[in-house]
């Protein structure tokens, strides 16, 4: 854990930046959840957040389904259109918290940095 700077985490996953990596990747965010890792630019993270909100708004729970909370019936599109994640509603809510919290913390850090340097 000494090689990373933790941005945000919850029970579903963690978002962090590597302390040592190629200069071109310093601003990228590593998002790790389940058995998956995504290495995203800030713009890709924002797009992913929009995809999550869209999936939350479009998710339909089957009225007759006895496994509504565990059924992985929701497809969440990753920032690259070739990848989707099958999730249940609870996982999607946790993902929303993880990505929203990460975006909030990045924006807060940027604001604080501007205040300190000015």
PDB file of N, CA and C in Angstrom:
ATOM      1  N   UNK A   1       0.807  -1.204   0.000  1.00  0.00           N
ATOM      2  CA  UNK A   1       0.000   0.000   0.000  1.00  0.00           C
ATOM      3  C   UNK A   1       0.854   1.274   0.000  1.00  0.00           C
ATOM      4  N   UNK A   2       2.175   1.100   0.123  1.00  0.00           N
ATOM      5  CA  UNK A   2       3.062   2.255   0.110  1.00  0.00           C
ATOM      6  C   UNK A   2       3.216   2.842  -1.286  1.00  0.00           C
ATOM      7  N   UNK A   3       2.901   2.056  -2.312  1.00  0.00           N
ATOM      8  CA  UNK A   3       3.088   2.507  -3.690  1.00  0.00           C
ATOM      9  C   UNK A   3       1.876   3.221  -4.269  1.00  0.00           C
ATOM     10  N   UNK A   4       0.810   3.357  -3.464  1.00  0.00           N
ATOM     11  CA  UNK A   4      -0.400   3.984  -3.985  1.00  0.00           C
ATOM     12  C   UNK A   4      -0.853   5.142  -3.104  1.00  0.00           C
ATOM     13  N   UNK A   5      -1.598   6.020  -3.729  1.00  0.00           N
ATOM     14  CA  UNK A   5      -2.268   7.099  -3.034  1.00  0.00           C
ATOM     15  C   UNK A   5      -3.763   6.791  -3.120  1.00  0.00           C
ATOM     16  N   UNK A   6      -4.372   6.401  -2.005  1.00  0.00           N
ATOM     17  CA  UNK A   6      -5.792   6.055  -1.993  1.00  0.00           C
ATOM     18  C   UNK A   6      -6.632   7.313  -2.150  1.00  0.00           C
ATOM     19  N   UNK A   7      -7.548   7.276  -3.107  1.00  0.00           N
ATOM     20  CA  UNK A   7      -8.444   8.398  -3.349  1.00  0.00           C
ATOM     21  C   UNK A   7      -9.761   8.175  -2.613  1.00  0.00           C
ATOM     22  N   UNK A   8     -10.347   6.984  -2.794  1.00  0.00           N
ATOM     23  CA  UNK A   8     -11.648   6.684  -2.192  1.00  0.00           C
ATOM     24  C   UNK A   8     -11.836   5.174  -2.196  1.00  0.00           C
ATOM     25  N   UNK A   9     -12.567   4.669  -1.223  1.00  0.00           N
ATOM     26  CA  UNK A   9     -12.898   3.243  -1.203  1.00  0.00           C
ATOM     27  C   UNK A   9     -14.207   3.029  -0.472  1.00  0.00           C
ATOM     28  N   UNK A  10     -14.833   1.912  -0.764  1.00  0.00           N
ATOM     29  CA  UNK A  10     -16.019   1.458  -0.044  1.00  0.00           C
ATOM     30  C   UNK A  10     -15.957  -0.068   0.023  1.00  0.00           C
ATOM     31  N   UNK A  11     -17.034  -0.696   0.447  1.00  0.00           N
ATOM     32  CA  UNK A  11     -17.018  -2.154   0.595  1.00  0.00           C
ATOM     33  C   UNK A  11     -16.954  -2.876  -0.751  1.00  0.00           C
ATOM     34  N   UNK A  12     -17.204  -2.176  -1.833  1.00  0.00           N
ATOM     35  CA  UNK A  12     -17.211  -2.786  -3.162  1.00  0.00           C
ATOM     36  C   UNK A  12     -15.866  -2.712  -3.863  1.00  0.00           C
ATOM     37  N   UNK A  13     -15.107  -1.624  -3.613  1.00  0.00           N
ATOM     38  CA  UNK A  13     -13.848  -1.463  -4.327  1.00  0.00           C
ATOM     39  C   UNK A  13     -13.022  -0.305  -3.817  1.00  0.00           C
ATOM     40  N   UNK A  14     -11.991   0.020  -4.576  1.00  0.00           N
ATOM     41  CA  UNK A  14     -11.059   1.084  -4.206  1.00  0.00           C
ATOM     42  C   UNK A  14     -10.631   1.849  -5.456  1.00  0.00           C
ATOM     43  N   UNK A  15     -10.382   3.137  -5.285  1.00  0.00           N
ATOM     44  CA  UNK A  15      -9.834   3.977  -6.348  1.00  0.00           C
ATOM     45  C   UNK A  15      -8.537   4.582  -5.819  1.00  0.00           C
ATOM     46  N   UNK A  16      -7.500   4.508  -6.631  1.00  0.00           N
ATOM     47  CA  UNK A  16      -6.213   5.045  -6.194  1.00  0.00           C
ATOM     48  C   UNK A  16      -5.385   5.467  -7.396  1.00  0.00           C
ATOM     49  N   UNK A  17      -4.304   6.172  -7.102  1.00  0.00           N
ATOM     50  CA  UNK A  17      -3.322   6.519  -8.119  1.00  0.00           C
ATOM     51  C   UNK A  17      -1.989   5.921  -7.699  1.00  0.00           C
ATOM     52  N   UNK A  18      -1.243   5.458  -8.684  1.00  0.00           N
ATOM     53  CA  UNK A  18       0.078   4.918  -8.419  1.00  0.00           C
ATOM     54  C   UNK A  18       1.028   6.058  -8.128  1.00  0.00           C
ATOM     55  N   UNK A  19       1.888   5.908  -7.138  1.00  0.00           N
ATOM     56  CA  UNK A  19       2.885   6.930  -6.827  1.00  0.00           C
ATOM     57  C   UNK A  19       4.023   6.913  -7.838  1.00  0.00           C
ATOM     58  N   UNK A  20       4.341   5.721  -8.340  1.00  0.00           N
ATOM     59  CA  UNK A  20       5.429   5.575  -9.304  1.00  0.00           C
ATOM     60  C   UNK A  20       4.890   4.920 -10.561  1.00  0.00           C
ATOM     61  N   UNK A  21       4.857   5.672 -11.631  1.00  0.00           N
ATOM     62  CA  UNK A  21       4.465   5.112 -12.928  1.00  0.00           C
ATOM     63  C   UNK A  21       4.954   6.055 -14.013  1.00  0.00           C
ATOM     64  N   UNK A  22       4.711   5.686 -15.248  1.00  0.00           N
ATOM     65  CA  UNK A  22       5.133   6.532 -16.362  1.00  0.00           C
ATOM     66  C   UNK A  22       4.487   7.908 -16.238  1.00  0.00           C
ATOM     67  N   UNK A  23       5.215   8.928 -16.611  1.00  0.00           N
ATOM     68  CA  UNK A  23       4.732  10.304 -16.494  1.00  0.00           C
ATOM     69  C   UNK A  23       3.373  10.470 -17.167  1.00  0.00           C
ATOM     70  N   UNK A  24       3.171   9.832 -18.304  1.00  0.00           N
ATOM     71  CA  UNK A  24       1.908   9.973 -19.036  1.00  0.00           C
ATOM     72  C   UNK A  24       0.734   9.361 -18.271  1.00  0.00           C
ATOM     73  N   UNK A  25       1.012   8.472 -17.299  1.00  0.00           N
ATOM     74  CA  UNK A  25      -0.044   7.801 -16.552  1.00  0.00           C
ATOM     75  C   UNK A  25      -0.257   8.364 -15.147  1.00  0.00           C
ATOM     76  N   UNK A  26       0.485   9.393 -14.772  1.00  0.00           N
ATOM     77  CA  UNK A  26       0.392   9.920 -13.408  1.00  0.00           C
ATOM     78  C   UNK A  26      -1.003  10.400 -13.040  1.00  0.00           C
ATOM     79  N   UNK A  27      -1.742  10.922 -13.965  1.00  0.00           N
ATOM     80  CA  UNK A  27      -3.076  11.451 -13.693  1.00  0.00           C
ATOM     81  C   UNK A  27      -4.165  10.382 -13.771  1.00  0.00           C
ATOM     82  N   UNK A  28      -3.824   9.180 -14.233  1.00  0.00           N
ATOM     83  CA  UNK A  28      -4.831   8.131 -14.370  1.00  0.00           C
ATOM     84  C   UNK A  28      -5.212   7.560 -13.006  1.00  0.00           C
ATOM     85  N   UNK A  29      -6.440   7.096 -12.933  1.00  0.00           N
ATOM     86  CA  UNK A  29      -6.992   6.537 -11.709  1.00  0.00           C
ATOM     87  C   UNK A  29      -7.174   5.039 -11.885  1.00  0.00           C
ATOM     88  N   UNK A  30      -6.679   4.283 -10.935  1.00  0.00           N
ATOM     89  CA  UNK A  30      -6.871   2.829 -10.927  1.00  0.00           C
ATOM     90  C   UNK A  30      -8.124   2.548 -10.109  1.00  0.00           C
ATOM     91  N   UNK A  31      -9.095   1.923 -10.728  1.00  0.00           N
ATOM     92  CA  UNK A  31     -10.354   1.560 -10.079  1.00  0.00           C
ATOM     93  C   UNK A  31     -10.390   0.039 -10.005  1.00  0.00           C
ATOM     94  N   UNK A  32     -10.471  -0.516  -8.791  1.00  0.00           N
ATOM     95  CA  UNK A  32     -10.456  -1.960  -8.613  1.00  0.00           C
ATOM     96  C   UNK A  32     -11.726  -2.375  -7.880  1.00  0.00           C
ATOM     97  N   UNK A  33     -12.461  -3.311  -8.477  1.00  0.00           N
ATOM     98  CA  UNK A  33     -13.676  -3.853  -7.883  1.00  0.00           C
ATOM     99  C   UNK A  33     -13.824  -5.291  -8.362  1.00  0.00           C
ATOM    100  N   UNK A  34     -14.460  -6.101  -7.517  1.00  0.00           N
ATOM    101  CA  UNK A  34     -14.549  -7.541  -7.800  1.00  0.00           C
ATOM    102  C   UNK A  34     -13.167  -8.050  -8.186  1.00  0.00           C
ATOM    103  N   UNK A  35     -13.077  -8.706  -9.325  1.00  0.00           N
ATOM    104  CA  UNK A  35     -11.793  -9.193  -9.842  1.00  0.00           C
ATOM    105  C   UNK A  35     -11.339  -8.357 -11.024  1.00  0.00           C
ATOM    106  N   UNK A  36     -11.719  -7.095 -11.046  1.00  0.00           N
ATOM    107  CA  UNK A  36     -11.502  -6.241 -12.202  1.00  0.00           C
ATOM    108  C   UNK A  36     -10.746  -4.981 -11.821  1.00  0.00           C
ATOM    109  N   UNK A  37      -9.877  -4.550 -12.699  1.00  0.00           N
ATOM    110  CA  UNK A  37      -9.188  -3.280 -12.538  1.00  0.00           C
ATOM    111  C   UNK A  37      -9.341  -2.456 -13.798  1.00  0.00           C
ATOM    112  N   UNK A  38      -9.672  -1.201 -13.628  1.00  0.00           N
ATOM    113  CA  UNK A  38      -9.752  -0.265 -14.747  1.00  0.00           C
ATOM    114  C   UNK A  38      -8.763   0.860 -14.480  1.00  0.00           C
ATOM    115  N   UNK A  39      -8.012   1.235 -15.490  1.00  0.00           N
ATOM    116  CA  UNK A  39      -7.035   2.315 -15.409  1.00  0.00           C
ATOM    117  C   UNK A  39      -7.567   3.442 -16.274  1.00  0.00           C
ATOM    118  N   UNK A  40      -8.150   4.467 -15.642  1.00  0.00           N
ATOM    119  CA  UNK A  40      -8.929   5.474 -16.358  1.00  0.00           C
ATOM    120  C   UNK A  40      -8.348   6.873 -16.240  1.00  0.00           C
ATOM    121  N   UNK A  41      -8.525   7.642 -17.303  1.00  0.00           N
ATOM    122  CA  UNK A  41      -8.229   9.068 -17.243  1.00  0.00           C
ATOM    123  C   UNK A  41      -9.373   9.737 -16.484  1.00  0.00           C
ATOM    124  N   UNK A  42      -9.179  10.963 -16.003  1.00  0.00           N
ATOM    125  CA  UNK A  42     -10.284  11.665 -15.342  1.00  0.00           C
ATOM    126  C   UNK A  42     -11.527  11.788 -16.234  1.00  0.00           C
ATOM    127  N   UNK A  43     -11.331  12.037 -17.536  1.00  0.00           N
ATOM    128  CA  UNK A  43     -12.476  12.134 -18.451  1.00  0.00           C
ATOM    129  C   UNK A  43     -13.201  10.795 -18.596  1.00  0.00           C
ATOM    130  N   UNK A  44     -12.447   9.702 -18.637  1.00  0.00           N
ATOM    131  CA  UNK A  44     -13.063   8.376 -18.714  1.00  0.00           C
ATOM    132  C   UNK A  44     -13.832   8.061 -17.431  1.00  0.00           C
ATOM    133  N   UNK A  45     -13.305   8.514 -16.296  1.00  0.00           N
ATOM    134  CA  UNK A  45     -13.994   8.316 -15.020  1.00  0.00           C
ATOM    135  C   UNK A  45     -15.330   9.061 -15.015  1.00  0.00           C
ATOM    136  N   UNK A  46     -15.342  10.265 -15.546  1.00  0.00           N
ATOM    137  CA  UNK A  46     -16.582  11.043 -15.644  1.00  0.00           C
ATOM    138  C   UNK A  46     -17.573  10.349 -16.572  1.00  0.00           C
ATOM    139  N   UNK A  47     -17.097   9.837 -17.698  1.00  0.00           N
ATOM    140  CA  UNK A  47     -17.968   9.102 -18.622  1.00  0.00           C
ATOM    141  C   UNK A  47     -18.526   7.850 -17.950  1.00  0.00           C
ATOM    142  N   UNK A  48     -17.699   7.154 -17.193  1.00  0.00           N
ATOM    143  CA  UNK A  48     -18.136   5.963 -16.476  1.00  0.00           C
ATOM    144  C   UNK A  48     -19.220   6.318 -15.470  1.00  0.00           C
ATOM    145  N   UNK A  49     -19.066   7.440 -14.798  1.00  0.00           N
ATOM    146  CA  UNK A  49     -20.086   7.905 -13.849  1.00  0.00           C
ATOM    147  C   UNK A  49     -21.413   8.154 -14.558  1.00  0.00           C
ATOM    148  N   UNK A  50     -21.353   8.751 -15.734  1.00  0.00           N
ATOM    149  CA  UNK A  50     -22.575   8.985 -16.523  1.00  0.00           C
ATOM    150  C   UNK A  50     -23.212   7.661 -16.934  1.00  0.00           C
ATOM    151  N   UNK A  51     -22.380   6.688 -17.315  1.00  0.00           N
ATOM    152  CA  UNK A  51     -22.906   5.366 -17.696  1.00  0.00           C
ATOM    153  C   UNK A  51     -23.599   4.696 -16.511  1.00  0.00           C
ATOM    154  N   UNK A  52     -23.035   4.856 -15.328  1.00  0.00           N
ATOM    155  CA  UNK A  52     -23.635   4.277 -14.123  1.00  0.00           C
ATOM    156  C   UNK A  52     -24.988   4.915 -13.853  1.00  0.00           C
ATOM    157  N   UNK A  53     -25.052   6.233 -13.915  1.00  0.00           N
ATOM    158  CA  UNK A  53     -26.329   6.945 -13.678  1.00  0.00           C
ATOM    159  C   UNK A  53     -27.375   6.502 -14.701  1.00  0.00           C
ATOM    160  N   UNK A  54     -26.953   6.365 -15.949  1.00  0.00           N
ATOM    161  CA  UNK A  54     -27.863   5.920 -17.009  1.00  0.00           C
ATOM    162  C   UNK A  54     -28.385   4.516 -16.704  1.00  0.00           C
ATOM    163  N   UNK A  55     -27.501   3.615 -16.279  1.00  0.00           N
ATOM    164  CA  UNK A  55     -27.909   2.247 -15.947  1.00  0.00           C
ATOM    165  C   UNK A  55     -28.842   2.231 -14.739  1.00  0.00           C
ATOM    166  N   UNK A  56     -28.572   3.072 -13.749  1.00  0.00           N
ATOM    167  CA  UNK A  56     -29.453   3.143 -12.577  1.00  0.00           C
ATOM    168  C   UNK A  56     -30.847   3.626 -12.965  1.00  0.00           C
ATOM    169  N   UNK A  57     -30.900   4.604 -13.853  1.00  0.00           N
ATOM    170  CA  UNK A  57     -32.187   5.145 -14.282  1.00  0.00           C
ATOM    171  C   UNK A  57     -32.964   4.183 -15.171  1.00  0.00           C
ATOM    172  N   UNK A  58     -32.243   3.336 -15.908  1.00  0.00           N
ATOM    173  CA  UNK A  58     -32.898   2.414 -16.836  1.00  0.00           C
ATOM    174  C   UNK A  58     -33.117   1.024 -16.260  1.00  0.00           C
ATOM    175  N   UNK A  59     -32.546   0.747 -15.091  1.00  0.00           N
ATOM    176  CA  UNK A  59     -32.643  -0.610 -14.552  1.00  0.00           C
ATOM    177  C   UNK A  59     -34.087  -0.933 -14.191  1.00  0.00           C
ATOM    178  N   UNK A  60     -34.507  -2.072 -14.649  1.00  0.00           N
ATOM    179  CA  UNK A  60     -35.858  -2.547 -14.377  1.00  0.00           C
ATOM    180  C   UNK A  60     -35.781  -3.797 -13.528  1.00  0.00           C
ATOM    181  N   UNK A  61     -36.489  -3.775 -12.427  1.00  0.00           N
ATOM    182  CA  UNK A  61     -36.548  -4.967 -11.595  1.00  0.00           C
ATOM    183  C   UNK A  61     -37.786  -5.761 -12.004  1.00  0.00           C
ATOM    184  N   UNK A  62     -37.622  -7.035 -12.123  1.00  0.00           N
ATOM    185  CA  UNK A  62     -38.743  -7.896 -12.481  1.00  0.00           C
ATOM    186  C   UNK A  62     -39.644  -8.064 -11.254  1.00  0.00           C
ATOM    187  N   UNK A  63     -40.912  -7.769 -11.402  1.00  0.00           N
ATOM    188  CA  UNK A  63     -41.838  -7.847 -10.277  1.00  0.00           C
ATOM    189  C   UNK A  63     -41.973  -9.264  -9.729  1.00  0.00           C
ATOM    190  N   UNK A  64     -41.948 -10.230 -10.600  1.00  0.00           N
ATOM    191  CA  UNK A  64     -42.157 -11.608 -10.172  1.00  0.00           C
ATOM    192  C   UNK A  64     -40.868 -12.293  -9.721  1.00  0.00           C
ATOM    193  N   UNK A  65     -39.748 -11.675  -9.936  1.00  0.00           N
ATOM    194  CA  UNK A  65     -38.454 -12.297  -9.646  1.00  0.00           C
ATOM    195  C   UNK A  65     -38.207 -12.338  -8.134  1.00  0.00           C
ATOM    196  N   UNK A  66     -37.868 -13.519  -7.637  1.00  0.00           N
ATOM    197  CA  UNK A  66     -37.578 -13.648  -6.206  1.00  0.00           C
ATOM    198  C   UNK A  66     -36.116 -13.296  -5.903  1.00  0.00           C
ATOM    199  N   UNK A  67     -35.307 -13.117  -6.933  1.00  0.00           N
ATOM    200  CA  UNK A  67     -33.889 -12.788  -6.753  1.00  0.00           C
ATOM    201  C   UNK A  67     -33.568 -11.384  -7.249  1.00  0.00           C
ATOM    202  N   UNK A  68     -34.465 -10.439  -7.011  1.00  0.00           N
ATOM    203  CA  UNK A  68     -34.283  -9.090  -7.556  1.00  0.00           C
ATOM    204  C   UNK A  68     -32.958  -8.449  -7.160  1.00  0.00           C
ATOM    205  N   UNK A  69     -32.532  -8.651  -5.925  1.00  0.00           N
ATOM    206  CA  UNK A  69     -31.315  -7.982  -5.466  1.00  0.00           C
ATOM    207  C   UNK A  69     -30.038  -8.711  -5.854  1.00  0.00           C
ATOM    208  N   UNK A  70     -30.124  -9.975  -6.216  1.00  0.00           N
ATOM    209  CA  UNK A  70     -28.912 -10.711  -6.569  1.00  0.00           C
ATOM    210  C   UNK A  70     -28.819 -11.042  -8.063  1.00  0.00           C
ATOM    211  N   UNK A  71     -29.878 -10.821  -8.795  1.00  0.00           N
ATOM    212  CA  UNK A  71     -29.891 -11.104 -10.227  1.00  0.00           C
ATOM    213  C   UNK A  71     -29.008 -10.093 -10.960  1.00  0.00           C
ATOM    214  N   UNK A  72     -28.063 -10.576 -11.716  1.00  0.00           N
ATOM    215  CA  UNK A  72     -27.136  -9.702 -12.447  1.00  0.00           C
ATOM    216  C   UNK A  72     -27.725  -9.370 -13.820  1.00  0.00           C
ATOM    217  N   UNK A  73     -28.855  -8.692 -13.788  1.00  0.00           N
ATOM    218  CA  UNK A  73     -29.588  -8.396 -15.016  1.00  0.00           C
ATOM    219  C   UNK A  73     -29.248  -7.032 -15.609  1.00  0.00           C
ATOM    220  N   UNK A  74     -28.385  -6.275 -14.962  1.00  0.00           N
ATOM    221  CA  UNK A  74     -28.050  -4.930 -15.433  1.00  0.00           C
ATOM    222  C   UNK A  74     -26.675  -4.960 -16.096  1.00  0.00           C
ATOM    223  N   UNK A  75     -26.604  -4.443 -17.309  1.00  0.00           N
ATOM    224  CA  UNK A  75     -25.319  -4.327 -18.004  1.00  0.00           C
ATOM    225  C   UNK A  75     -24.835  -2.885 -17.887  1.00  0.00           C
ATOM    226  N   UNK A  76     -23.689  -2.725 -17.283  1.00  0.00           N
ATOM    227  CA  UNK A  76     -23.062  -1.410 -17.136  1.00  0.00           C
ATOM    228  C   UNK A  76     -21.966  -1.298 -18.176  1.00  0.00           C
ATOM    229  N   UNK A  77     -22.097  -0.302 -19.035  1.00  0.00           N
ATOM    230  CA  UNK A  77     -21.106  -0.091 -20.090  1.00  0.00           C
ATOM    231  C   UNK A  77     -19.893   0.629 -19.516  1.00  0.00           C
ATOM    232  N   UNK A  78     -18.715   0.089 -19.786  1.00  0.00           N
ATOM    233  CA  UNK A  78     -17.459   0.718 -19.367  1.00  0.00           C
ATOM    234  C   UNK A  78     -17.200   1.937 -20.245  1.00  0.00           C
ATOM    235  N   UNK A  79     -16.224   2.763 -19.899  1.00  0.00           N
ATOM    236  CA  UNK A  79     -15.916   3.921 -20.746  1.00  0.00           C
ATOM    237  C   UNK A  79     -15.550   3.533 -22.177  1.00  0.00           C
ATOM    238  N   UNK A  80     -14.944   2.364 -22.358  1.00  0.00           N
ATOM    239  CA  UNK A  80     -14.734   1.886 -23.730  1.00  0.00           C
ATOM    240  C   UNK A  80     -15.929   0.998 -24.081  1.00  0.00           C
ATOM    241  N   UNK A  81     -16.484   1.185 -25.222  1.00  0.00           N
ATOM    242  CA  UNK A  81     -17.752   0.538 -25.570  1.00  0.00           C
ATOM    243  C   UNK A  81     -17.646  -0.959 -25.802  1.00  0.00           C
ATOM    244  N   UNK A  82     -16.437  -1.500 -25.824  1.00  0.00           N
ATOM    245  CA  UNK A  82     -16.281  -2.938 -26.041  1.00  0.00           C
ATOM    246  C   UNK A  82     -16.498  -3.746 -24.768  1.00  0.00           C
ATOM    247  N   UNK A  83     -16.584  -3.090 -23.613  1.00  0.00           N
ATOM    248  CA  UNK A  83     -16.666  -3.792 -22.331  1.00  0.00           C
ATOM    249  C   UNK A  83     -17.930  -3.408 -21.582  1.00  0.00           C
ATOM    250  N   UNK A  84     -18.593  -4.426 -21.029  1.00  0.00           N
ATOM    251  CA  UNK A  84     -19.752  -4.205 -20.154  1.00  0.00           C
ATOM    252  C   UNK A  84     -19.610  -5.100 -18.939  1.00  0.00           C
ATOM    253  N   UNK A  85     -20.202  -4.676 -17.841  1.00  0.00           N
ATOM    254  CA  UNK A  85     -20.178  -5.448 -16.607  1.00  0.00           C
ATOM    255  C   UNK A  85     -21.593  -5.857 -16.239  1.00  0.00           C
ATOM    256  N   UNK A  86     -21.800  -7.144 -15.983  1.00  0.00           N
ATOM    257  CA  UNK A  86     -23.095  -7.629 -15.515  1.00  0.00           C
ATOM    258  C   UNK A  86     -23.149  -7.415 -14.008  1.00  0.00           C
ATOM    259  N   UNK A  87     -24.169  -6.687 -13.552  1.00  0.00           N
ATOM    260  CA  UNK A  87     -24.278  -6.348 -12.136  1.00  0.00           C
ATOM    261  C   UNK A  87     -25.710  -6.480 -11.664  1.00  0.00           C
ATOM    262  N   UNK A  88     -25.843  -6.660 -10.362  1.00  0.00           N
ATOM    263  CA  UNK A  88     -27.172  -6.556  -9.771  1.00  0.00           C
ATOM    264  C   UNK A  88     -27.344  -5.116  -9.277  1.00  0.00           C
ATOM    265  N   UNK A  89     -28.547  -4.805  -8.844  1.00  0.00           N
ATOM    266  CA  UNK A  89     -28.855  -3.428  -8.454  1.00  0.00           C
ATOM    267  C   UNK A  89     -27.980  -2.962  -7.286  1.00  0.00           C
ATOM    268  N   UNK A  90     -27.756  -3.835  -6.305  1.00  0.00           N
ATOM    269  CA  UNK A  90     -26.937  -3.471  -5.136  1.00  0.00           C
ATOM    270  C   UNK A  90     -25.505  -3.166  -5.549  1.00  0.00           C
ATOM    271  N   UNK A  91     -24.938  -3.987  -6.426  1.00  0.00           N
ATOM    272  CA  UNK A  91     -23.583  -3.751  -6.907  1.00  0.00           C
ATOM    273  C   UNK A  91     -23.503  -2.436  -7.686  1.00  0.00           C
ATOM    274  N   UNK A  92     -24.518  -2.163  -8.471  1.00  0.00           N
ATOM    275  CA  UNK A  92     -24.542  -0.926  -9.250  1.00  0.00           C
ATOM    276  C   UNK A  92     -24.586   0.293  -8.328  1.00  0.00           C
ATOM    277  N   UNK A  93     -25.338   0.216  -7.240  1.00  0.00           N
ATOM    278  CA  UNK A  93     -25.381   1.312  -6.266  1.00  0.00           C
ATOM    279  C   UNK A  93     -24.017   1.497  -5.604  1.00  0.00           C
ATOM    280  N   UNK A  94     -23.346   0.389  -5.272  1.00  0.00           N
ATOM    281  CA  UNK A  94     -22.007   0.461  -4.680  1.00  0.00           C
ATOM    282  C   UNK A  94     -21.006   1.047  -5.670  1.00  0.00           C
ATOM    283  N   UNK A  95     -21.130   0.665  -6.939  1.00  0.00           N
ATOM    284  CA  UNK A  95     -20.254   1.204  -7.977  1.00  0.00           C
ATOM    285  C   UNK A  95     -20.492   2.704  -8.129  1.00  0.00           C
ATOM    286  N   UNK A  96     -21.750   3.105  -8.074  1.00  0.00           N
ATOM    287  CA  UNK A  96     -22.090   4.524  -8.149  1.00  0.00           C
ATOM    288  C   UNK A  96     -21.415   5.290  -7.009  1.00  0.00           C
ATOM    289  N   UNK A  97     -21.488   4.751  -5.797  1.00  0.00           N
ATOM    290  CA  UNK A  97     -20.845   5.393  -4.655  1.00  0.00           C
ATOM    291  C   UNK A  97     -19.330   5.465  -4.855  1.00  0.00           C
ATOM    292  N   UNK A  98     -18.725   4.380  -5.319  1.00  0.00           N
ATOM    293  CA  UNK A  98     -17.274   4.338  -5.526  1.00  0.00           C
ATOM    294  C   UNK A  98     -16.829   5.388  -6.541  1.00  0.00           C
ATOM    295  N   UNK A  99     -17.500   5.455  -7.665  1.00  0.00           N
ATOM    296  CA  UNK A  99     -17.093   6.388  -8.723  1.00  0.00           C
ATOM    297  C   UNK A  99     -17.456   7.832  -8.349  1.00  0.00           C
ATOM    298  N   UNK A 100     -18.636   8.046  -7.790  1.00  0.00           N
ATOM    299  CA  UNK A 100     -19.028   9.402  -7.370  1.00  0.00           C
ATOM    300  C   UNK A 100     -18.117   9.919  -6.268  1.00  0.00           C
ATOM    301  N   UNK A 101     -17.797   9.069  -5.314  1.00  0.00           N
ATOM    302  CA  UNK A 101     -16.887   9.463  -4.240  1.00  0.00           C
ATOM    303  C   UNK A 101     -15.501   9.780  -4.754  1.00  0.00           C
ATOM    304  N   UNK A 102     -15.047   9.023  -5.730  1.00  0.00           N
ATOM    305  CA  UNK A 102     -13.739   9.261  -6.338  1.00  0.00           C
ATOM    306  C   UNK A 102     -13.732  10.602  -7.068  1.00  0.00           C
ATOM    307  N   UNK A 103     -14.767  10.863  -7.855  1.00  0.00           N
ATOM    308  CA  UNK A 103     -14.863  12.140  -8.578  1.00  0.00           C
ATOM    309  C   UNK A 103     -14.908  13.316  -7.593  1.00  0.00           C
ATOM    310  N   UNK A 104     -15.688  13.169  -6.542  1.00  0.00           N
ATOM    311  CA  UNK A 104     -15.793  14.225  -5.523  1.00  0.00           C
ATOM    312  C   UNK A 104     -14.420  14.493  -4.900  1.00  0.00           C
ATOM    313  N   UNK A 105     -13.736  13.439  -4.498  1.00  0.00           N
ATOM    314  CA  UNK A 105     -12.443  13.597  -3.841  1.00  0.00           C
ATOM    315  C   UNK A 105     -11.415  14.212  -4.780  1.00  0.00           C
ATOM    316  N   UNK A 106     -11.413  13.807  -6.046  1.00  0.00           N
ATOM    317  CA  UNK A 106     -10.485  14.399  -7.019  1.00  0.00           C
ATOM    318  C   UNK A 106     -10.765  15.887  -7.190  1.00  0.00           C
ATOM    319  N   UNK A 107     -12.036  16.262  -7.282  1.00  0.00           N
ATOM    320  CA  UNK A 107     -12.398  17.680  -7.425  1.00  0.00           C
ATOM    321  C   UNK A 107     -12.015  18.468  -6.176  1.00  0.00           C
ATOM    322  N   UNK A 108     -12.237  17.883  -4.993  1.00  0.00           N
ATOM    323  CA  UNK A 108     -11.873  18.538  -3.742  1.00  0.00           C
ATOM    324  C   UNK A 108     -10.359  18.731  -3.668  1.00  0.00           C
ATOM    325  N   UNK A 109      -9.602  17.700  -4.018  1.00  0.00           N
ATOM    326  CA  UNK A 109      -8.135  17.799  -4.005  1.00  0.00           C
ATOM    327  C   UNK A 109      -7.643  18.891  -4.950  1.00  0.00           C
ATOM    328  N   UNK A 110      -8.267  18.975  -6.124  1.00  0.00           N
ATOM    329  CA  UNK A 110      -7.885  19.997  -7.105  1.00  0.00           C
ATOM    330  C   UNK A 110      -8.180  21.397  -6.568  1.00  0.00           C
ATOM    331  N   UNK A 111      -9.326  21.566  -5.944  1.00  0.00           N
ATOM    332  CA  UNK A 111      -9.699  22.859  -5.372  1.00  0.00           C
ATOM    333  C   UNK A 111      -8.735  23.250  -4.248  1.00  0.00           C
ATOM    334  N   UNK A 112      -8.433  22.308  -3.364  1.00  0.00           N
ATOM    335  CA  UNK A 112      -7.516  22.588  -2.271  1.00  0.00           C
ATOM    336  C   UNK A 112      -6.119  22.939  -2.781  1.00  0.00           C
ATOM    337  N   UNK A 113      -5.684  22.254  -3.813  1.00  0.00           N
ATOM    338  CA  UNK A 113      -4.374  22.537  -4.395  1.00  0.00           C
ATOM    339  C   UNK A 113      -4.332  23.958  -4.975  1.00  0.00           C
ATOM    340  N   UNK A 114      -5.418  24.370  -5.613  1.00  0.00           N
ATOM    341  CA  UNK A 114      -5.485  25.727  -6.173  1.00  0.00           C
ATOM    342  C   UNK A 114      -5.461  26.771  -5.063  1.00  0.00           C
ATOM    343  N   UNK A 115      -6.156  26.495  -3.954  1.00  0.00           N
ATOM    344  CA  UNK A 115      -6.188  27.435  -2.842  1.00  0.00           C
ATOM    345  C   UNK A 115      -4.818  27.565  -2.183  1.00  0.00           C
ATOM    346  N   UNK A 116      -4.120  26.460  -2.085  1.00  0.00           N
ATOM    347  CA  UNK A 116      -2.808  26.462  -1.445  1.00  0.00           C
ATOM    348  C   UNK A 116      -1.784  27.183  -2.297  1.00  0.00           C
ATOM    349  N   UNK A 117      -1.840  27.016  -3.614  1.00  0.00           N
ATOM    350  CA  UNK A 117      -0.833  27.617  -4.498  1.00  0.00           C
ATOM    351  C   UNK A 117      -1.137  29.050  -4.865  1.00  0.00           C
ATOM    352  N   UNK A 118      -2.313  29.536  -4.522  1.00  0.00           N
ATOM    353  CA  UNK A 118      -2.611  30.932  -4.887  1.00  0.00           C
ATOM    354  C   UNK A 118      -2.422  31.890  -3.739  1.00  0.00           C
TER     355      UNK A 118
END
